[in-house]
Protein backbone atom coordinates (compact mmCIF):
# COMPACT_ATOMS: atom_id res chain seq x y z
CA UNK A 1 1.14 -9.72 -7.83
CA UNK A 2 3.10 -6.86 -6.30
CA UNK A 3 3.57 -3.39 -7.75
CA UNK A 4 6.44 -1.51 -6.13
CA UNK A 5 6.34 2.28 -5.84
CA UNK A 6 9.55 4.22 -6.31
CA UNK A 7 10.10 6.90 -3.69
CA UNK A 8 9.83 6.85 0.08
CA UNK A 9 10.32 9.66 2.59
CA UNK A 10 10.44 7.33 5.61
CA UNK A 11 13.85 5.73 4.93
CA UNK A 12 13.32 3.25 7.76
CA UNK A 13 16.61 1.75 8.98
CA UNK A 14 16.60 -1.94 8.11
CA UNK A 15 13.99 -1.57 5.36
CA UNK A 16 13.77 -4.70 3.18
CA UNK A 17 13.71 -2.61 -0.01
CA UNK A 18 15.97 0.45 0.34
CA UNK A 19 16.49 0.58 -3.44
CA UNK A 20 12.99 2.05 -3.69
CA UNK A 21 13.64 5.04 -1.40
CA UNK A 22 15.05 7.37 -4.06
CA UNK A 23 12.49 9.30 -6.07
CA UNK A 24 14.82 9.18 -9.08
CA UNK A 25 15.05 5.41 -9.61
CA UNK A 26 12.71 2.73 -10.86
CA UNK A 27 11.08 2.08 -14.20
CA UNK A 28 8.00 3.87 -15.45
CA UNK A 29 5.20 1.39 -16.16
CA UNK A 30 1.73 2.33 -17.37
CA UNK A 31 -1.45 1.39 -15.58
CA UNK A 32 -2.59 -0.41 -18.74
CA UNK A 33 0.57 -2.52 -18.85
CA UNK A 34 0.12 -3.59 -15.23
CA UNK A 35 -3.54 -4.45 -15.83
CA UNK A 36 -2.69 -6.50 -18.93
CA UNK A 37 -0.15 -8.44 -16.88
CA UNK A 38 -2.79 -9.03 -14.20
CA UNK A 39 -5.34 -10.22 -16.77
CA UNK A 40 -2.80 -12.78 -17.95
CA UNK A 41 -2.89 -14.65 -14.64
CA UNK A 42 -6.23 -16.43 -14.07
CA UNK A 43 -5.17 -17.42 -10.54
CA UNK A 44 -4.61 -13.83 -9.42
CA UNK A 45 -7.09 -12.55 -6.85
CA UNK A 46 -5.40 -9.31 -5.83
CA UNK A 47 -2.59 -6.82 -6.22
CA UNK A 48 -0.30 -5.65 -3.44
CA UNK A 49 1.12 -2.13 -3.52
CA UNK A 50 4.46 -1.85 -1.77
CA UNK A 51 7.52 0.25 -2.19
CA UNK A 52 8.86 2.72 -1.59
CA UNK A 53 5.57 4.09 -0.40
CA UNK A 54 2.53 3.96 -2.68
CA UNK A 55 1.10 7.03 -0.95
CA UNK A 56 3.94 9.06 -2.51
CA UNK A 57 2.29 8.30 -5.87
CA UNK A 58 -1.22 7.96 -4.51
CA UNK A 59 -3.15 9.37 -7.47
CA UNK A 60 -1.64 6.90 -9.94
CA UNK A 61 -2.02 3.99 -7.51
CA UNK A 62 -5.66 4.96 -6.92
CA UNK A 63 -6.30 4.84 -10.67
CA UNK A 64 -4.62 1.43 -10.88
CA UNK A 65 -6.59 0.15 -7.88
CA UNK A 66 -9.90 1.36 -9.29
CA UNK A 67 -9.25 -0.41 -12.59
CA UNK A 68 -8.04 -3.57 -10.81
CA UNK A 69 -11.25 -3.62 -8.77
CA UNK A 70 -13.22 -3.68 -12.04
CA UNK A 71 -11.37 -6.95 -12.76
CA UNK A 72 -12.52 -8.31 -9.39
CA UNK A 73 -9.12 -7.95 -7.72
CA UNK A 74 -8.51 -7.04 -4.09
CA UNK A 75 -6.00 -4.35 -3.12
CA UNK A 76 -3.50 -4.52 -0.26
CA UNK A 77 -1.42 -1.40 0.33
CA UNK A 78 1.71 -1.02 2.45
CA UNK A 79 2.63 2.41 3.78
CA UNK A 80 4.95 3.90 6.36
CA UNK A 81 2.21 6.38 7.26
CA UNK A 82 -0.34 5.45 9.89
CA UNK A 83 -4.02 5.21 9.04
CA UNK A 84 -4.71 8.14 11.36
CA UNK A 85 -2.03 10.29 9.69
CA UNK A 86 -3.46 9.53 6.26
CA UNK A 87 -6.94 10.59 7.40
CA UNK A 88 -5.69 13.76 9.05
CA UNK A 89 -3.60 14.80 6.03
CA UNK A 90 -5.56 13.48 3.04
CA UNK A 91 -6.92 16.91 2.13
CA UNK A 92 -3.34 18.17 1.63
CA UNK A 93 -2.11 15.23 -0.47
CA UNK A 94 -3.43 14.50 -3.93
CA UNK A 95 -4.87 11.02 -4.22
CA UNK A 96 -4.56 9.91 -0.58
CA UNK A 97 -8.29 9.70 0.01
CA UNK A 98 -8.86 7.92 -3.31
CA UNK A 99 -6.13 5.34 -2.66
CA UNK A 100 -7.47 4.69 0.82
CA UNK A 101 -10.99 4.27 -0.64
CA UNK A 102 -9.73 1.63 -3.08
CA UNK A 103 -7.63 -0.27 -0.52
CA UNK A 104 -9.07 -3.39 1.09
CA UNK A 105 -6.21 -4.12 3.48
CA UNK A 106 -3.80 -1.44 4.68
CA UNK A 107 -0.53 -2.36 6.38
CA UNK A 108 0.42 0.88 8.08
CA UNK A 109 3.33 2.26 10.07
CA UNK A 110 7.05 2.58 9.60
CA UNK A 111 9.23 -0.50 9.84
CA UNK A 112 10.97 -0.46 13.23
CA UNK A 113 13.94 -2.80 13.40
CA UNK A 114 13.80 -2.91 17.22
CA UNK A 115 10.25 -4.32 16.92
CA UNK A 116 11.08 -6.84 14.18
CA UNK A 117 9.15 -10.08 14.50
CA UNK A 118 9.54 -12.83 11.90
CA UNK A 119 6.40 -14.58 13.17
CA UNK A 120 4.06 -11.80 12.06
CA UNK A 121 1.92 -12.38 8.98
CA UNK A 122 2.54 -9.85 6.21
CA UNK A 123 4.33 -7.35 8.49
CA UNK A 124 7.91 -6.76 9.51
CA UNK A 125 7.60 -5.11 12.89
CA UNK A 126 5.12 -5.29 15.75
CA UNK A 127 4.03 -1.64 15.47
CA UNK A 128 2.65 -2.23 11.99
CA UNK A 129 -1.05 -3.06 11.67
CA UNK A 130 -3.10 -4.96 9.09
CA UNK A 131 -6.25 -2.88 8.85
CA UNK A 132 -9.51 -3.95 7.22
CA UNK A 133 -10.17 -0.59 5.59
CA UNK A 134 -13.78 -1.19 4.54
CA UNK A 135 -14.87 -2.32 8.02
CA UNK A 136 -12.78 0.41 9.67
CA UNK A 137 -14.52 3.08 7.65
CA UNK A 138 -17.98 1.56 8.10
CA UNK A 139 -17.60 1.13 11.86
CA UNK A 140 -15.61 4.35 12.40
CA UNK A 141 -12.99 2.49 14.42
CA UNK A 142 -9.80 0.61 13.55
CA UNK A 143 -10.62 -3.00 12.66
CA UNK A 144 -7.56 -5.23 12.48
CA UNK A 145 -7.21 -8.34 10.35
CA UNK A 146 -6.22 -11.61 12.04
């Protein structure tokens, strides 16, 4: 299951989802409605947050992630920000720390068309990383997923 955020400041050239860049588009959906949809799929084992950029609505996505975790679901979050940038700036952005805390896998970094690689798993360009957030935080170093 994927939940798409509306709004993105990165506006990466070649983005696969440019319709989500505007902060004025999209459809408002409640956390409860998303969770009810998730509960209706017994095969579901996680929710992916994409966009747009979920960190532009981090507080709401953190609430959704926390509730999804209570259902036993994993959380994968895509962002154009790097992990390091999120850490350095989380005190200035409402919900960033909470969303990072609830994320299991973080795909970070802007999409770079010049580094596009169709052979990558779950990423569009070679600069993007799939980070195991729990291990990264526990070991105080970036731990990448295979």
